[in-house]
N, C-alpha and C. Protein backbone atom coordinates (compact mmCIF):
# COMPACT_ATOMS: atom_id res chain seq x y z
N MET A 1 -8.35 20.15 47.92
CA MET A 1 -8.12 18.74 47.87
C MET A 1 -8.63 18.19 46.54
N ALA A 2 -7.83 17.40 45.86
CA ALA A 2 -8.18 16.87 44.55
C ALA A 2 -9.17 15.73 44.69
N ARG A 3 -10.11 15.73 43.79
CA ARG A 3 -11.08 14.63 43.78
C ARG A 3 -10.53 13.49 42.95
N THR A 4 -10.66 12.33 43.44
CA THR A 4 -10.20 11.15 42.70
C THR A 4 -11.41 10.30 42.36
N ARG A 5 -11.33 9.70 41.20
CA ARG A 5 -12.39 8.81 40.75
C ARG A 5 -11.94 7.38 40.95
N PRO A 6 -12.76 6.55 41.49
CA PRO A 6 -12.34 5.16 41.64
C PRO A 6 -12.23 4.48 40.28
N ASP A 7 -11.26 3.64 40.13
CA ASP A 7 -11.06 2.92 38.87
C ASP A 7 -11.85 1.63 38.93
N ASN A 8 -12.92 1.58 38.17
CA ASN A 8 -13.74 0.37 38.16
C ASN A 8 -13.42 -0.52 36.97
N GLY A 9 -12.40 -0.19 36.22
CA GLY A 9 -11.98 -1.02 35.10
C GLY A 9 -12.67 -0.70 33.79
N ALA A 10 -13.60 0.23 33.79
CA ALA A 10 -14.32 0.59 32.57
C ALA A 10 -13.51 1.57 31.75
N ILE A 11 -13.65 1.48 30.44
CA ILE A 11 -12.97 2.39 29.53
C ILE A 11 -13.92 3.55 29.25
N SER A 12 -13.42 4.76 29.42
CA SER A 12 -14.26 5.92 29.13
C SER A 12 -14.25 6.20 27.64
N LEU A 13 -15.25 6.91 27.17
CA LEU A 13 -15.34 7.25 25.75
C LEU A 13 -14.17 8.13 25.33
N SER A 14 -13.82 9.10 26.17
CA SER A 14 -12.70 9.98 25.81
C SER A 14 -11.38 9.19 25.78
N GLY A 15 -11.22 8.25 26.69
CA GLY A 15 -10.02 7.42 26.68
C GLY A 15 -9.95 6.56 25.43
N LEU A 16 -11.08 6.01 25.02
CA LEU A 16 -11.13 5.19 23.81
C LEU A 16 -10.85 6.03 22.57
N LEU A 17 -11.43 7.22 22.51
CA LEU A 17 -11.19 8.10 21.36
C LEU A 17 -9.73 8.54 21.30
N ASN A 18 -9.14 8.84 22.44
CA ASN A 18 -7.71 9.20 22.47
C ASN A 18 -6.84 8.04 22.01
N PHE A 19 -7.16 6.84 22.46
CA PHE A 19 -6.39 5.67 22.04
C PHE A 19 -6.52 5.45 20.53
N CYS A 20 -7.74 5.57 20.01
CA CYS A 20 -7.96 5.40 18.56
C CYS A 20 -7.20 6.47 17.77
N ALA A 21 -7.21 7.69 18.26
CA ALA A 21 -6.49 8.77 17.57
C ALA A 21 -5.00 8.50 17.53
N VAL A 22 -4.44 7.99 18.63
CA VAL A 22 -3.01 7.66 18.66
C VAL A 22 -2.70 6.53 17.69
N VAL A 23 -3.54 5.50 17.66
CA VAL A 23 -3.32 4.37 16.74
C VAL A 23 -3.38 4.85 15.30
N ILE A 24 -4.37 5.66 14.96
CA ILE A 24 -4.51 6.17 13.59
C ILE A 24 -3.31 7.03 13.23
N LEU A 25 -2.87 7.88 14.15
CA LEU A 25 -1.71 8.74 13.89
C LEU A 25 -0.44 7.92 13.67
N VAL A 26 -0.22 6.92 14.49
CA VAL A 26 0.99 6.07 14.35
C VAL A 26 0.93 5.31 13.03
N CYS A 27 -0.22 4.76 12.68
CA CYS A 27 -0.35 4.02 11.42
C CYS A 27 -0.16 4.95 10.22
N ALA A 28 -0.73 6.14 10.26
CA ALA A 28 -0.55 7.09 9.16
C ALA A 28 0.90 7.50 9.03
N LEU A 29 1.57 7.73 10.15
CA LEU A 29 2.99 8.07 10.12
C LEU A 29 3.82 6.94 9.53
N PHE A 30 3.51 5.71 9.92
CA PHE A 30 4.21 4.54 9.36
C PHE A 30 4.00 4.47 7.85
N LEU A 31 2.77 4.68 7.39
CA LEU A 31 2.49 4.61 5.96
C LEU A 31 3.21 5.71 5.20
N ILE A 32 3.29 6.91 5.76
CA ILE A 32 3.99 8.00 5.10
C ILE A 32 5.48 7.67 4.96
N ILE A 33 6.07 7.18 6.04
CA ILE A 33 7.50 6.82 6.00
C ILE A 33 7.72 5.67 5.03
N ASP A 34 6.81 4.69 5.03
CA ASP A 34 6.96 3.56 4.13
C ASP A 34 6.83 3.98 2.67
N VAL A 35 5.91 4.88 2.38
CA VAL A 35 5.75 5.36 0.99
C VAL A 35 7.01 6.09 0.54
N ARG A 36 7.59 6.90 1.43
CA ARG A 36 8.84 7.59 1.08
C ARG A 36 9.96 6.58 0.81
N HIS A 37 10.02 5.52 1.62
CA HIS A 37 11.02 4.47 1.43
C HIS A 37 10.83 3.79 0.08
N ARG A 38 9.60 3.48 -0.25
CA ARG A 38 9.31 2.83 -1.53
C ARG A 38 9.56 3.76 -2.71
N MET A 39 9.34 5.06 -2.52
CA MET A 39 9.64 6.02 -3.59
C MET A 39 11.15 6.06 -3.85
N THR A 40 11.94 5.93 -2.81
CA THR A 40 13.39 5.87 -2.98
C THR A 40 13.76 4.66 -3.82
N GLY A 41 13.15 3.53 -3.54
CA GLY A 41 13.40 2.32 -4.33
C GLY A 41 12.97 2.48 -5.77
N TYR A 42 11.82 3.10 -5.98
CA TYR A 42 11.32 3.33 -7.34
C TYR A 42 12.29 4.21 -8.12
N ARG A 43 12.72 5.31 -7.49
CA ARG A 43 13.66 6.21 -8.17
C ARG A 43 14.98 5.51 -8.46
N ALA A 44 15.43 4.67 -7.54
CA ALA A 44 16.68 3.95 -7.76
C ALA A 44 16.55 2.99 -8.94
N VAL A 45 15.45 2.27 -9.00
CA VAL A 45 15.25 1.29 -10.07
C VAL A 45 15.10 1.97 -11.42
N TYR A 46 14.44 3.13 -11.45
CA TYR A 46 14.19 3.79 -12.72
C TYR A 46 15.14 4.96 -12.99
N GLY A 47 16.44 4.71 -12.82
CA GLY A 47 17.42 5.62 -13.36
C GLY A 47 18.23 6.49 -12.43
N GLN A 48 17.91 6.59 -11.16
CA GLN A 48 18.67 7.47 -10.30
C GLN A 48 19.55 6.71 -9.32
N GLY A 49 19.80 5.44 -9.57
CA GLY A 49 20.56 4.63 -8.63
C GLY A 49 21.87 4.13 -9.20
N VAL A 50 22.59 3.38 -8.36
CA VAL A 50 23.86 2.77 -8.74
C VAL A 50 23.56 1.34 -9.18
N GLN A 51 23.73 1.07 -10.48
CA GLN A 51 23.43 -0.25 -11.04
C GLN A 51 24.51 -1.25 -10.65
N GLY A 52 24.11 -2.49 -10.50
CA GLY A 52 25.07 -3.53 -10.19
C GLY A 52 24.38 -4.86 -9.96
N THR A 53 25.03 -5.72 -9.19
CA THR A 53 24.46 -7.02 -8.86
C THR A 53 24.56 -7.24 -7.36
N ALA A 54 23.63 -7.99 -6.85
CA ALA A 54 23.63 -8.35 -5.43
C ALA A 54 23.75 -9.86 -5.33
N THR A 55 24.64 -10.32 -4.49
CA THR A 55 24.78 -11.74 -4.22
C THR A 55 24.04 -12.01 -2.92
N VAL A 56 22.88 -12.66 -3.03
CA VAL A 56 22.06 -12.96 -1.87
C VAL A 56 22.69 -14.12 -1.12
N THR A 57 23.13 -13.86 0.10
CA THR A 57 23.83 -14.89 0.88
C THR A 57 22.96 -15.53 1.94
N ASP A 58 21.96 -14.80 2.44
CA ASP A 58 21.15 -15.34 3.52
C ASP A 58 19.76 -14.71 3.50
N CYS A 59 18.76 -15.49 3.82
CA CYS A 59 17.40 -14.99 3.95
C CYS A 59 16.87 -15.40 5.31
N GLY A 60 16.09 -14.56 5.90
CA GLY A 60 15.49 -14.85 7.20
C GLY A 60 14.08 -14.32 7.23
N SER A 61 13.42 -14.51 8.34
CA SER A 61 12.07 -14.00 8.46
C SER A 61 11.84 -13.54 9.89
N HIS A 62 10.92 -12.60 10.01
CA HIS A 62 10.46 -12.17 11.31
C HIS A 62 8.95 -12.21 11.29
N LEU A 63 8.32 -11.64 12.26
CA LEU A 63 6.89 -11.78 12.47
C LEU A 63 6.04 -11.48 11.24
N ILE A 64 6.39 -10.45 10.48
CA ILE A 64 5.49 -10.04 9.40
C ILE A 64 6.06 -10.18 7.99
N SER A 65 7.32 -10.52 7.83
CA SER A 65 7.82 -10.66 6.46
C SER A 65 9.11 -11.47 6.41
N THR A 66 9.51 -11.74 5.18
CA THR A 66 10.77 -12.43 4.90
C THR A 66 11.72 -11.42 4.29
N TYR A 67 12.98 -11.49 4.64
CA TYR A 67 13.97 -10.55 4.12
C TYR A 67 15.23 -11.32 3.73
N CYS A 68 16.01 -10.71 2.85
CA CYS A 68 17.27 -11.30 2.42
C CYS A 68 18.39 -10.27 2.57
N VAL A 69 19.59 -10.76 2.84
CA VAL A 69 20.77 -9.91 2.92
C VAL A 69 21.80 -10.46 1.96
N GLY A 70 22.71 -9.59 1.56
CA GLY A 70 23.74 -10.02 0.64
C GLY A 70 24.77 -8.94 0.41
N ASP A 71 25.61 -9.18 -0.58
CA ASP A 71 26.69 -8.26 -0.93
C ASP A 71 26.36 -7.61 -2.26
N PHE A 72 26.61 -6.31 -2.36
CA PHE A 72 26.32 -5.56 -3.58
C PHE A 72 27.64 -5.11 -4.20
N THR A 73 27.73 -5.24 -5.52
CA THR A 73 28.86 -4.74 -6.28
C THR A 73 28.32 -3.97 -7.47
N SER A 74 28.77 -2.72 -7.63
CA SER A 74 28.27 -1.91 -8.74
C SER A 74 28.82 -2.44 -10.06
N ALA A 75 28.20 -2.03 -11.14
CA ALA A 75 28.59 -2.50 -12.47
C ALA A 75 30.02 -2.08 -12.81
N ASP A 76 30.44 -0.89 -12.36
CA ASP A 76 31.79 -0.43 -12.64
C ASP A 76 32.80 -0.88 -11.58
N GLY A 77 32.33 -1.53 -10.52
CA GLY A 77 33.23 -2.06 -9.49
C GLY A 77 33.65 -1.06 -8.43
N ARG A 78 33.19 0.17 -8.50
CA ARG A 78 33.59 1.20 -7.54
C ARG A 78 32.89 1.06 -6.18
N VAL A 79 31.64 0.64 -6.20
CA VAL A 79 30.87 0.55 -4.97
C VAL A 79 30.72 -0.92 -4.59
N LYS A 80 31.19 -1.25 -3.38
CA LYS A 80 31.04 -2.60 -2.85
C LYS A 80 30.52 -2.48 -1.43
N ARG A 81 29.41 -3.12 -1.17
CA ARG A 81 28.81 -3.11 0.17
C ARG A 81 28.50 -4.55 0.54
N SER A 82 28.77 -4.90 1.78
CA SER A 82 28.48 -6.26 2.21
C SER A 82 27.44 -6.25 3.33
N GLU A 83 26.73 -7.35 3.42
CA GLU A 83 25.69 -7.56 4.43
C GLU A 83 24.65 -6.44 4.46
N ILE A 84 24.11 -6.13 3.28
CA ILE A 84 23.04 -5.14 3.20
C ILE A 84 21.73 -5.86 2.86
N ARG A 85 20.65 -5.24 3.16
CA ARG A 85 19.34 -5.82 2.86
C ARG A 85 19.08 -5.71 1.36
N VAL A 86 18.55 -6.78 0.77
CA VAL A 86 18.23 -6.80 -0.66
C VAL A 86 16.71 -6.91 -0.77
N ASN A 87 16.06 -5.78 -1.04
CA ASN A 87 14.60 -5.74 -1.14
C ASN A 87 14.13 -6.43 -2.41
N GLY A 88 13.17 -7.33 -2.26
CA GLY A 88 12.61 -8.05 -3.39
C GLY A 88 13.27 -9.37 -3.69
N ALA A 89 14.36 -9.69 -3.03
CA ALA A 89 15.07 -10.93 -3.32
C ALA A 89 14.29 -12.16 -2.86
N ALA A 90 13.63 -12.08 -1.71
CA ALA A 90 12.88 -13.23 -1.20
C ALA A 90 11.76 -13.62 -2.15
N GLU A 91 11.01 -12.62 -2.64
CA GLU A 91 9.93 -12.89 -3.58
C GLU A 91 10.47 -13.42 -4.90
N LEU A 92 11.60 -12.87 -5.34
CA LEU A 92 12.22 -13.31 -6.58
C LEU A 92 12.68 -14.76 -6.48
N LEU A 93 13.26 -15.14 -5.35
CA LEU A 93 13.70 -16.52 -5.16
C LEU A 93 12.51 -17.47 -5.09
N GLU A 94 11.42 -17.04 -4.49
CA GLU A 94 10.22 -17.88 -4.45
C GLU A 94 9.63 -18.07 -5.83
N GLU A 95 9.65 -17.02 -6.66
CA GLU A 95 9.12 -17.11 -8.02
C GLU A 95 9.94 -18.06 -8.88
N THR A 96 11.25 -18.10 -8.67
CA THR A 96 12.10 -18.98 -9.47
C THR A 96 12.12 -20.40 -8.94
N GLY A 97 11.50 -20.63 -7.77
CA GLY A 97 11.43 -21.97 -7.23
C GLY A 97 12.58 -22.33 -6.32
N ARG A 98 13.52 -21.45 -6.12
CA ARG A 98 14.66 -21.75 -5.26
C ARG A 98 14.32 -21.58 -3.80
N GLY A 99 13.39 -20.71 -3.49
CA GLY A 99 13.00 -20.46 -2.11
C GLY A 99 14.00 -19.58 -1.40
N PRO A 100 13.54 -18.85 -0.39
CA PRO A 100 14.44 -17.95 0.31
C PRO A 100 15.46 -18.66 1.18
N ARG A 101 15.31 -19.94 1.40
CA ARG A 101 16.24 -20.69 2.26
C ARG A 101 17.28 -21.48 1.46
N SER A 102 17.52 -21.11 0.20
CA SER A 102 18.47 -21.88 -0.60
C SER A 102 19.88 -21.75 -0.02
N ALA A 103 20.65 -22.81 -0.10
CA ALA A 103 21.97 -22.86 0.53
C ALA A 103 23.02 -22.09 -0.27
N ALA A 104 22.93 -22.13 -1.61
CA ALA A 104 23.94 -21.49 -2.45
C ALA A 104 23.63 -20.00 -2.61
N PRO A 105 24.66 -19.15 -2.67
CA PRO A 105 24.41 -17.73 -2.94
C PRO A 105 23.81 -17.54 -4.32
N VAL A 106 22.92 -16.57 -4.43
CA VAL A 106 22.22 -16.30 -5.68
C VAL A 106 22.57 -14.89 -6.12
N LEU A 107 22.90 -14.76 -7.41
CA LEU A 107 23.27 -13.47 -7.99
C LEU A 107 22.04 -12.87 -8.69
N VAL A 108 21.64 -11.66 -8.28
CA VAL A 108 20.49 -11.00 -8.88
C VAL A 108 20.87 -9.59 -9.30
N PRO A 109 20.34 -9.09 -10.43
CA PRO A 109 20.59 -7.69 -10.80
C PRO A 109 19.89 -6.78 -9.79
N ALA A 110 20.61 -5.77 -9.34
CA ALA A 110 20.07 -4.90 -8.30
C ALA A 110 20.58 -3.48 -8.49
N VAL A 111 20.04 -2.57 -7.70
CA VAL A 111 20.42 -1.17 -7.75
C VAL A 111 20.34 -0.61 -6.33
N MET A 112 21.24 0.32 -6.04
CA MET A 112 21.21 1.03 -4.75
C MET A 112 20.85 2.48 -5.03
N SER A 113 20.20 3.14 -4.08
CA SER A 113 19.81 4.53 -4.29
C SER A 113 21.02 5.45 -4.37
N ASP A 114 22.06 5.17 -3.58
CA ASP A 114 23.33 5.89 -3.68
C ASP A 114 24.43 5.00 -3.09
N ALA A 115 25.66 5.46 -3.19
CA ALA A 115 26.79 4.63 -2.77
C ALA A 115 26.79 4.33 -1.28
N GLY A 116 26.19 5.15 -0.46
CA GLY A 116 26.18 4.94 0.98
C GLY A 116 24.92 4.28 1.51
N ALA A 117 24.03 3.86 0.64
CA ALA A 117 22.75 3.28 1.08
C ALA A 117 22.98 1.95 1.79
N GLY A 118 22.07 1.62 2.67
CA GLY A 118 22.17 0.38 3.43
C GLY A 118 21.30 -0.73 2.88
N GLU A 119 20.76 -0.52 1.68
CA GLU A 119 19.91 -1.54 1.07
C GLU A 119 19.96 -1.43 -0.45
N ALA A 120 19.66 -2.55 -1.07
CA ALA A 120 19.60 -2.60 -2.53
C ALA A 120 18.20 -3.06 -2.92
N TRP A 121 17.83 -2.76 -4.15
CA TRP A 121 16.52 -3.14 -4.68
C TRP A 121 16.74 -4.00 -5.91
N THR A 122 16.04 -5.12 -6.01
CA THR A 122 16.17 -5.96 -7.20
C THR A 122 15.51 -5.27 -8.38
N LEU A 123 16.02 -5.53 -9.57
CA LEU A 123 15.46 -4.92 -10.77
C LEU A 123 14.29 -5.71 -11.33
N GLN A 124 14.08 -6.90 -10.82
CA GLN A 124 12.98 -7.73 -11.30
C GLN A 124 11.90 -7.81 -10.24
N GLY A 125 10.65 -7.85 -10.66
CA GLY A 125 9.55 -8.09 -9.75
C GLY A 125 8.95 -6.87 -9.06
N LYS A 126 9.48 -5.68 -9.28
CA LYS A 126 8.95 -4.45 -8.70
C LYS A 126 8.74 -4.55 -7.19
N PRO A 127 9.81 -4.73 -6.40
CA PRO A 127 9.63 -4.89 -4.95
C PRO A 127 9.09 -3.64 -4.26
N TRP A 128 9.27 -2.48 -4.84
CA TRP A 128 8.77 -1.24 -4.24
C TRP A 128 7.27 -1.13 -4.36
N LEU A 129 6.66 -1.95 -5.24
CA LEU A 129 5.22 -1.88 -5.48
C LEU A 129 4.44 -2.88 -4.63
N ARG A 130 5.09 -3.93 -4.17
CA ARG A 130 4.41 -5.01 -3.48
C ARG A 130 4.24 -4.69 -1.99
N PRO A 131 2.99 -4.47 -1.52
CA PRO A 131 2.80 -4.18 -0.10
C PRO A 131 2.94 -5.44 0.74
N GLY A 132 3.41 -5.28 1.94
CA GLY A 132 3.55 -6.40 2.86
C GLY A 132 2.42 -6.41 3.87
N LYS A 133 2.50 -7.36 4.80
CA LYS A 133 1.47 -7.48 5.83
C LYS A 133 1.44 -6.23 6.71
N ALA A 134 2.60 -5.68 7.01
CA ALA A 134 2.65 -4.50 7.87
C ALA A 134 1.92 -3.31 7.23
N GLN A 135 2.11 -3.12 5.93
CA GLN A 135 1.45 -2.01 5.25
C GLN A 135 -0.06 -2.20 5.24
N LEU A 136 -0.51 -3.42 4.99
CA LEU A 136 -1.95 -3.68 4.96
C LEU A 136 -2.57 -3.52 6.34
N LEU A 137 -1.85 -3.98 7.38
CA LEU A 137 -2.36 -3.81 8.74
C LEU A 137 -2.42 -2.34 9.15
N ALA A 138 -1.45 -1.56 8.71
CA ALA A 138 -1.45 -0.14 9.05
C ALA A 138 -2.50 0.63 8.26
N LEU A 139 -2.87 0.11 7.11
CA LEU A 139 -3.85 0.79 6.27
C LEU A 139 -5.27 0.69 6.84
N VAL A 140 -5.56 -0.38 7.55
CA VAL A 140 -6.91 -0.60 8.07
C VAL A 140 -7.36 0.52 9.01
N PRO A 141 -6.59 0.88 10.06
CA PRO A 141 -7.06 1.95 10.94
C PRO A 141 -7.10 3.32 10.27
N VAL A 142 -6.29 3.51 9.23
CA VAL A 142 -6.30 4.79 8.53
C VAL A 142 -7.48 4.86 7.57
N ALA A 143 -7.78 3.75 6.90
CA ALA A 143 -8.86 3.73 5.91
C ALA A 143 -10.25 3.68 6.56
N ALA A 144 -10.36 3.07 7.74
CA ALA A 144 -11.67 2.91 8.37
C ALA A 144 -12.36 4.26 8.63
N PRO A 145 -11.69 5.26 9.22
CA PRO A 145 -12.39 6.55 9.41
C PRO A 145 -12.76 7.23 8.10
N VAL A 146 -11.96 7.03 7.05
CA VAL A 146 -12.28 7.61 5.75
C VAL A 146 -13.55 6.98 5.19
N VAL A 147 -13.67 5.67 5.31
CA VAL A 147 -14.87 4.98 4.83
C VAL A 147 -16.09 5.41 5.64
N VAL A 148 -15.94 5.49 6.96
CA VAL A 148 -17.05 5.92 7.81
C VAL A 148 -17.48 7.34 7.45
N LEU A 149 -16.51 8.22 7.25
CA LEU A 149 -16.82 9.60 6.87
C LEU A 149 -17.53 9.65 5.52
N TRP A 150 -17.09 8.83 4.57
CA TRP A 150 -17.74 8.77 3.26
C TRP A 150 -19.18 8.30 3.41
N ILE A 151 -19.39 7.30 4.23
CA ILE A 151 -20.75 6.78 4.43
C ILE A 151 -21.64 7.85 5.07
N LEU A 152 -21.09 8.58 6.04
CA LEU A 152 -21.89 9.60 6.71
C LEU A 152 -22.20 10.79 5.81
N LEU A 153 -21.21 11.22 5.01
CA LEU A 153 -21.40 12.40 4.18
C LEU A 153 -22.16 12.11 2.88
N ARG A 154 -21.87 10.99 2.26
CA ARG A 154 -22.48 10.68 0.97
C ARG A 154 -23.64 9.72 1.08
N GLY A 155 -23.87 9.16 2.23
CA GLY A 155 -24.97 8.23 2.38
C GLY A 155 -24.59 6.81 2.01
N GLY A 156 -23.37 6.60 1.60
CA GLY A 156 -22.89 5.25 1.30
C GLY A 156 -23.47 4.66 0.04
N PRO A 157 -23.34 3.36 -0.10
CA PRO A 157 -23.80 2.68 -1.32
C PRO A 157 -25.31 2.79 -1.53
N GLY A 158 -26.11 2.82 -0.45
CA GLY A 158 -27.57 2.93 -0.61
C GLY A 158 -27.97 4.24 -1.25
N ALA A 159 -27.34 5.33 -0.80
CA ALA A 159 -27.65 6.64 -1.37
C ALA A 159 -27.19 6.71 -2.83
N ARG A 160 -26.08 6.09 -3.12
CA ARG A 160 -25.60 6.07 -4.51
C ARG A 160 -26.59 5.34 -5.40
N ARG A 161 -27.09 4.23 -4.90
CA ARG A 161 -28.07 3.46 -5.66
C ARG A 161 -29.33 4.29 -5.89
N GLN A 162 -29.77 5.05 -4.88
CA GLN A 162 -30.94 5.91 -5.03
C GLN A 162 -30.71 6.99 -6.08
N ARG A 163 -29.50 7.59 -6.09
CA ARG A 163 -29.21 8.61 -7.09
C ARG A 163 -29.21 8.01 -8.50
N ILE A 164 -28.65 6.82 -8.65
CA ILE A 164 -28.64 6.16 -9.96
C ILE A 164 -30.06 5.84 -10.40
N ASP A 165 -30.90 5.34 -9.49
CA ASP A 165 -32.30 5.04 -9.83
C ASP A 165 -33.05 6.31 -10.22
N HIS A 166 -32.76 7.42 -9.53
CA HIS A 166 -33.40 8.70 -9.87
C HIS A 166 -33.02 9.14 -11.28
N VAL A 167 -31.75 9.01 -11.64
CA VAL A 167 -31.31 9.38 -12.99
C VAL A 167 -31.98 8.48 -14.02
N ARG A 168 -32.10 7.20 -13.73
CA ARG A 168 -32.77 6.28 -14.66
C ARG A 168 -34.23 6.64 -14.83
N LEU A 169 -34.88 7.03 -13.73
CA LEU A 169 -36.28 7.43 -13.80
C LEU A 169 -36.45 8.66 -14.67
N ILE A 170 -35.59 9.65 -14.50
CA ILE A 170 -35.65 10.86 -15.33
C ILE A 170 -35.46 10.51 -16.79
N ARG A 171 -34.48 9.65 -17.09
CA ARG A 171 -34.26 9.23 -18.48
C ARG A 171 -35.46 8.50 -19.04
N SER A 172 -36.05 7.60 -18.24
CA SER A 172 -37.20 6.85 -18.74
C SER A 172 -38.39 7.79 -18.97
N ARG A 173 -38.56 8.81 -18.13
CA ARG A 173 -39.64 9.79 -18.34
C ARG A 173 -39.41 10.54 -19.64
N ARG A 174 -38.17 10.96 -19.88
CA ARG A 174 -37.87 11.68 -21.13
C ARG A 174 -38.13 10.79 -22.33
N THR A 175 -37.71 9.54 -22.23
CA THR A 175 -37.94 8.60 -23.33
C THR A 175 -39.44 8.42 -23.55
N HIS A 176 -40.19 8.27 -22.47
CA HIS A 176 -41.63 8.12 -22.56
C HIS A 176 -42.28 9.35 -23.19
N GLN A 177 -41.85 10.55 -22.78
CA GLN A 177 -42.41 11.78 -23.33
C GLN A 177 -42.08 11.90 -24.82
N ARG A 178 -40.87 11.51 -25.23
CA ARG A 178 -40.51 11.55 -26.66
C ARG A 178 -41.38 10.58 -27.45
N GLU A 179 -41.64 9.42 -26.88
CA GLU A 179 -42.46 8.42 -27.57
C GLU A 179 -43.90 8.94 -27.75
N ILE A 180 -44.44 9.57 -26.72
CA ILE A 180 -45.80 10.15 -26.81
C ILE A 180 -45.81 11.26 -27.87
N ALA A 181 -44.81 12.11 -27.89
CA ALA A 181 -44.74 13.19 -28.88
C ALA A 181 -44.65 12.62 -30.29
N ARG A 182 -43.89 11.53 -30.47
CA ARG A 182 -43.78 10.90 -31.79
C ARG A 182 -45.11 10.33 -32.24
N ILE A 183 -45.85 9.72 -31.32
CA ILE A 183 -47.17 9.16 -31.66
C ILE A 183 -48.14 10.27 -32.02
N ARG A 184 -48.12 11.38 -31.28
CA ARG A 184 -49.01 12.51 -31.57
C ARG A 184 -48.70 13.12 -32.93
N ARG A 185 -47.38 13.22 -33.25
CA ARG A 185 -47.01 13.76 -34.56
C ARG A 185 -47.49 12.82 -35.66
N GLY A 186 -47.44 11.53 -35.40
CA GLY A 186 -47.91 10.56 -36.40
C GLY A 186 -49.41 10.66 -36.61
N ARG A 187 -50.13 10.89 -35.57
CA ARG A 187 -51.59 11.03 -35.67
C ARG A 187 -51.96 12.33 -36.37
N ALA A 188 -51.21 13.40 -36.09
CA ALA A 188 -51.53 14.71 -36.66
C ALA A 188 -51.25 14.72 -38.16
N GLY A 189 -50.43 13.88 -38.59
CA GLY A 189 -50.26 13.80 -40.02
C GLY A 189 -48.96 14.22 -40.46
């Protein structure tokens, strides 16, 4: 007969550790996928993409960011895509003062990673470099164990300060010993 434990509503340590491990794993996976996505944008902007222009037709927002969609036309006219996401357009429109909710379509220089891509990247403002709220929120659970591990292994900022003070003490002793030797040489003639 199986033994059952009554549920008193308390969280066990193993349950908490398992939950934290799952959260850290999901956040790390999100960051890895996001970095790969941003690397695709970087490569597209710096020479491996299809150059053209994007006509931003609409911008919207959801819980953590603002996004824009529009139509892309390559410089040679061969590639035409409509209703694709234009990364960096919302920030670009805010910088120019038009705002992401402007009524008129806006033409921006853009690039796609390849002809079948579902998104374009603006050539201005480095959208692949600018982290959003989602990236920063996902970074916290991943960075926290690294910081804790650093504090435990290296002793943290206090231990660093002690090591620096120790090096300064050794230098001051050497300087003091050199000064005494110089005075003795002066006395000896």
